[in-house]
């Protein structure tokens, strides 16, 4: 539901998120809620054994704001040539 709120938010949300992210980096602080992740295990092969732990791959479900921050960081690292 969070993504829908950001999708239909006023265009000012870009500036507000920018201020939020900059403040988090300035103060070296990431809120606990932003870092919460749910790990879901997905079966790799339906023909494989469901009791085999190697037949699963983990999927991390994070908040939309966290994903936006990750994409911004990735873009910055790649553009700096550090990746």
Protein backbone atom coordinates (compact mmCIF):
# COMPACT_ATOMS: atom_id res chain seq x y z
CA UNK A 1 0.00 0.00 0.00
CA UNK A 2 2.94 2.30 0.65
CA UNK A 3 3.89 2.47 -3.03
CA UNK A 4 0.43 3.72 -3.95
CA UNK A 5 0.77 6.58 -1.47
CA UNK A 6 4.04 7.66 -3.06
CA UNK A 7 2.73 7.18 -6.59
CA UNK A 8 -0.17 9.57 -6.06
CA UNK A 9 1.63 11.96 -3.71
CA UNK A 10 2.16 15.61 -4.59
CA UNK A 11 5.31 16.37 -6.57
CA UNK A 12 6.77 17.99 -3.43
CA UNK A 13 7.44 14.45 -2.16
CA UNK A 14 10.67 14.41 -4.20
CA UNK A 15 12.11 17.36 -2.28
CA UNK A 16 10.92 15.97 1.04
CA UNK A 17 12.48 12.57 0.39
CA UNK A 18 15.69 14.29 -0.69
CA UNK A 19 15.79 16.25 2.59
CA UNK A 20 15.07 13.06 4.55
CA UNK A 21 17.81 11.05 2.85
CA UNK A 22 20.35 13.88 3.18
CA UNK A 23 19.54 14.25 6.89
CA UNK A 24 19.96 10.51 7.41
CA UNK A 25 23.41 10.60 5.79
CA UNK A 26 24.42 13.80 7.60
CA UNK A 27 23.55 12.31 11.00
CA UNK A 28 24.62 8.73 10.16
CA UNK A 29 21.21 7.45 11.19
CA UNK A 30 18.80 5.06 9.51
CA UNK A 31 15.46 4.54 11.24
CA UNK A 32 14.77 0.96 12.35
CA UNK A 33 11.52 0.87 10.38
CA UNK A 34 13.42 1.73 7.20
CA UNK A 35 15.74 -1.24 7.70
CA UNK A 36 13.03 -3.81 8.48
CA UNK A 37 13.06 -6.68 6.01
CA UNK A 38 10.90 -9.74 5.63
CA UNK A 39 12.64 -12.77 4.13
CA UNK A 40 10.43 -15.09 2.07
CA UNK A 41 11.73 -18.38 0.71
CA UNK A 42 10.77 -19.20 -2.87
CA UNK A 43 11.12 -22.68 -4.38
CA UNK A 44 13.69 -22.74 -7.21
CA UNK A 45 12.52 -25.90 -8.92
CA UNK A 46 9.06 -27.41 -8.50
CA UNK A 47 10.52 -30.71 -9.68
CA UNK A 48 13.08 -30.68 -6.85
CA UNK A 49 12.57 -31.84 -3.30
CA UNK A 50 10.69 -29.35 -1.16
CA UNK A 51 12.59 -30.67 1.86
CA UNK A 52 15.96 -29.72 0.29
CA UNK A 53 17.16 -26.39 1.65
CA UNK A 54 19.21 -25.79 -1.52
CA UNK A 55 15.96 -25.81 -3.54
CA UNK A 56 14.95 -22.44 -2.09
CA UNK A 57 16.09 -18.90 -2.74
CA UNK A 58 15.48 -16.02 -0.35
CA UNK A 59 13.57 -12.92 -1.39
CA UNK A 60 13.91 -9.78 0.76
CA UNK A 61 10.80 -7.63 1.02
CA UNK A 62 11.55 -4.07 2.12
CA UNK A 63 9.64 -0.80 2.22
CA UNK A 64 9.26 1.32 -0.90
CA UNK A 65 11.19 4.20 0.69
CA UNK A 66 14.03 1.79 1.44
CA UNK A 67 14.05 0.63 -2.18
CA UNK A 68 14.20 4.24 -3.41
CA UNK A 69 17.17 4.88 -1.12
CA UNK A 70 18.90 1.71 -2.36
CA UNK A 71 18.43 2.73 -6.00
CA UNK A 72 19.81 6.21 -5.32
CA UNK A 73 22.85 4.75 -3.56
CA UNK A 74 23.45 2.23 -6.33
CA UNK A 75 23.24 4.97 -8.96
CA UNK A 76 25.71 7.11 -7.03
CA UNK A 77 28.18 4.26 -6.55
CA UNK A 78 27.99 3.15 -10.19
CA UNK A 79 28.36 6.71 -11.52
CA UNK A 80 31.40 7.24 -9.28
CA UNK A 81 33.01 4.14 -10.79
CA UNK A 82 33.37 2.41 -7.42
CA UNK A 83 31.34 -0.60 -8.44
